[in-house]
Amino acid sequence: MRISNTSQNANILAHLQTGKTISPIEALIDFRCFRLAARISELRKAGHNIQTHKGNDYAVYSLSE
């Protein structure tokens, strides 16, 4: 089953709008999204202010108010 980028973007944005952060592993488990950075880039281009928090091995993203 393939999930569209649009659906993934909507799900990721809804998740971020609750005040939660998201990491690549969470995106994979929760939304079957292998390319979180690409989805975040698309959301940014759509005008959403998403911050990147760099960890040791991966980035974590949050929505700025």
N, C-alpha and C. Protein backbone atom coordinates (compact mmCIF):
# COMPACT_ATOMS: atom_id res chain seq x y z
N MET A 1 0.84 -1.17 0.00
CA MET A 1 0.00 0.00 0.00
C MET A 1 0.89 1.24 0.00
N ARG A 2 0.65 2.13 -0.94
CA ARG A 2 1.43 3.36 -1.04
C ARG A 2 0.64 4.51 -0.44
N ILE A 3 1.30 5.30 0.38
CA ILE A 3 0.68 6.48 0.96
C ILE A 3 1.26 7.69 0.23
N SER A 4 0.41 8.59 -0.22
CA SER A 4 0.88 9.74 -1.00
C SER A 4 1.67 10.72 -0.13
N ASN A 5 2.52 11.49 -0.79
CA ASN A 5 3.28 12.53 -0.09
C ASN A 5 2.34 13.53 0.55
N THR A 6 1.23 13.83 -0.13
CA THR A 6 0.26 14.78 0.40
C THR A 6 -0.32 14.28 1.71
N SER A 7 -0.66 13.01 1.78
CA SER A 7 -1.19 12.43 3.01
C SER A 7 -0.14 12.43 4.11
N GLN A 8 1.08 12.09 3.75
CA GLN A 8 2.15 12.10 4.74
C GLN A 8 2.37 13.52 5.25
N ASN A 9 2.38 14.49 4.36
CA ASN A 9 2.56 15.88 4.77
C ASN A 9 1.47 16.31 5.73
N ALA A 10 0.23 15.98 5.41
CA ALA A 10 -0.90 16.35 6.27
C ALA A 10 -0.79 15.68 7.63
N ASN A 11 -0.42 14.42 7.65
CA ASN A 11 -0.29 13.70 8.92
C ASN A 11 0.86 14.24 9.76
N ILE A 12 1.98 14.53 9.12
CA ILE A 12 3.14 15.06 9.84
C ILE A 12 2.82 16.45 10.38
N LEU A 13 2.19 17.28 9.57
CA LEU A 13 1.82 18.63 10.01
C LEU A 13 0.85 18.56 11.18
N ALA A 14 -0.14 17.70 11.11
CA ALA A 14 -1.10 17.56 12.21
C ALA A 14 -0.39 17.13 13.48
N HIS A 15 0.56 16.23 13.35
CA HIS A 15 1.35 15.77 14.50
C HIS A 15 2.12 16.94 15.12
N LEU A 16 2.78 17.72 14.27
CA LEU A 16 3.57 18.86 14.76
C LEU A 16 2.67 19.92 15.38
N GLN A 17 1.48 20.10 14.85
CA GLN A 17 0.56 21.12 15.37
C GLN A 17 0.05 20.80 16.77
N THR A 18 0.22 19.58 17.21
CA THR A 18 -0.16 19.22 18.59
C THR A 18 0.92 19.61 19.59
N GLY A 19 2.05 20.15 19.08
CA GLY A 19 3.14 20.56 19.95
C GLY A 19 4.21 19.50 20.11
N LYS A 20 4.06 18.39 19.44
CA LYS A 20 5.04 17.30 19.52
C LYS A 20 6.16 17.52 18.52
N THR A 21 7.27 16.85 18.74
CA THR A 21 8.37 16.81 17.79
C THR A 21 8.25 15.52 16.99
N ILE A 22 9.05 15.43 15.93
CA ILE A 22 9.07 14.19 15.16
C ILE A 22 10.50 13.90 14.71
N SER A 23 10.87 12.64 14.80
CA SER A 23 12.18 12.17 14.35
C SER A 23 11.95 11.23 13.17
N PRO A 24 13.00 10.92 12.43
CA PRO A 24 12.83 10.00 11.29
C PRO A 24 12.25 8.64 11.69
N ILE A 25 12.65 8.09 12.81
CA ILE A 25 12.13 6.78 13.20
C ILE A 25 10.65 6.87 13.57
N GLU A 26 10.25 7.97 14.20
CA GLU A 26 8.83 8.16 14.52
C GLU A 26 8.01 8.31 13.24
N ALA A 27 8.55 9.04 12.27
CA ALA A 27 7.86 9.21 11.00
C ALA A 27 7.69 7.88 10.28
N LEU A 28 8.70 7.06 10.35
CA LEU A 28 8.63 5.75 9.71
C LEU A 28 7.59 4.86 10.39
N ILE A 29 7.62 4.80 11.70
CA ILE A 29 6.69 3.94 12.44
C ILE A 29 5.26 4.46 12.37
N ASP A 30 5.08 5.75 12.62
CA ASP A 30 3.73 6.31 12.72
C ASP A 30 3.08 6.59 11.37
N PHE A 31 3.89 7.02 10.38
CA PHE A 31 3.31 7.48 9.12
C PHE A 31 3.85 6.77 7.88
N ARG A 32 4.68 5.75 8.09
CA ARG A 32 5.28 4.99 6.99
C ARG A 32 6.04 5.91 6.04
N CYS A 33 6.72 6.88 6.62
CA CYS A 33 7.45 7.89 5.85
C CYS A 33 8.95 7.62 5.95
N PHE A 34 9.55 7.24 4.84
CA PHE A 34 10.98 6.96 4.79
C PHE A 34 11.80 8.23 4.56
N ARG A 35 11.16 9.31 4.06
CA ARG A 35 11.91 10.51 3.67
C ARG A 35 11.37 11.72 4.42
N LEU A 36 11.55 11.73 5.73
CA LEU A 36 11.03 12.82 6.55
C LEU A 36 11.62 14.17 6.14
N ALA A 37 12.90 14.23 5.86
CA ALA A 37 13.52 15.51 5.49
C ALA A 37 12.86 16.09 4.23
N ALA A 38 12.51 15.24 3.29
CA ALA A 38 11.83 15.71 2.07
C ALA A 38 10.44 16.24 2.39
N ARG A 39 9.72 15.55 3.27
CA ARG A 39 8.39 16.01 3.66
C ARG A 39 8.48 17.35 4.41
N ILE A 40 9.48 17.48 5.29
CA ILE A 40 9.68 18.73 6.04
C ILE A 40 10.00 19.85 5.06
N SER A 41 10.82 19.60 4.07
CA SER A 41 11.15 20.60 3.06
C SER A 41 9.89 21.06 2.33
N GLU A 42 9.03 20.14 1.97
CA GLU A 42 7.78 20.50 1.29
C GLU A 42 6.88 21.33 2.20
N LEU A 43 6.81 20.98 3.47
CA LEU A 43 6.00 21.74 4.41
C LEU A 43 6.56 23.15 4.59
N ARG A 44 7.87 23.27 4.62
CA ARG A 44 8.49 24.60 4.72
C ARG A 44 8.17 25.44 3.49
N LYS A 45 8.25 24.83 2.31
CA LYS A 45 7.93 25.54 1.07
C LYS A 45 6.47 25.99 1.05
N ALA A 46 5.61 25.27 1.77
CA ALA A 46 4.20 25.63 1.86
C ALA A 46 3.97 26.72 2.90
N GLY A 47 5.05 27.17 3.56
CA GLY A 47 4.95 28.30 4.47
C GLY A 47 4.95 27.98 5.95
N HIS A 48 5.16 26.74 6.31
CA HIS A 48 5.17 26.36 7.72
C HIS A 48 6.57 26.57 8.31
N ASN A 49 6.62 27.15 9.50
CA ASN A 49 7.88 27.46 10.17
C ASN A 49 8.29 26.28 11.04
N ILE A 50 9.06 25.39 10.46
CA ILE A 50 9.48 24.17 11.15
C ILE A 50 10.96 24.30 11.50
N GLN A 51 11.25 24.03 12.76
CA GLN A 51 12.61 24.13 13.28
C GLN A 51 13.28 22.76 13.27
N THR A 52 14.59 22.77 13.07
CA THR A 52 15.40 21.55 13.11
C THR A 52 16.23 21.57 14.38
N HIS A 53 16.16 20.50 15.13
CA HIS A 53 16.97 20.33 16.34
C HIS A 53 17.91 19.16 16.05
N LYS A 54 19.19 19.43 16.03
CA LYS A 54 20.15 18.39 15.67
C LYS A 54 20.54 17.57 16.89
N GLY A 55 20.38 16.26 16.76
CA GLY A 55 20.82 15.33 17.79
C GLY A 55 22.18 14.78 17.41
N ASN A 56 22.59 13.74 18.08
CA ASN A 56 23.88 13.12 17.77
C ASN A 56 23.87 12.41 16.43
N ASP A 57 22.77 11.72 16.13
CA ASP A 57 22.73 10.91 14.92
C ASP A 57 21.66 11.33 13.92
N TYR A 58 20.70 12.13 14.34
CA TYR A 58 19.59 12.47 13.45
C TYR A 58 18.95 13.77 13.90
N ALA A 59 18.17 14.35 13.01
CA ALA A 59 17.47 15.60 13.32
C ALA A 59 16.08 15.30 13.90
N VAL A 60 15.62 16.22 14.73
CA VAL A 60 14.26 16.17 15.25
C VAL A 60 13.63 17.49 14.86
N TYR A 61 12.38 17.44 14.44
CA TYR A 61 11.70 18.63 13.94
C TYR A 61 10.55 19.04 14.84
N SER A 62 10.33 20.35 14.91
CA SER A 62 9.20 20.89 15.66
C SER A 62 8.63 22.08 14.90
N LEU A 63 7.40 22.41 15.20
CA LEU A 63 6.72 23.54 14.56
C LEU A 63 6.85 24.75 15.46
N SER A 64 7.35 25.85 14.90
CA SER A 64 7.44 27.11 15.65
C SER A 64 6.11 27.81 15.59
N GLU A 65 5.80 28.51 16.66
CA GLU A 65 4.52 29.23 16.70
C GLU A 65 4.64 30.59 16.10
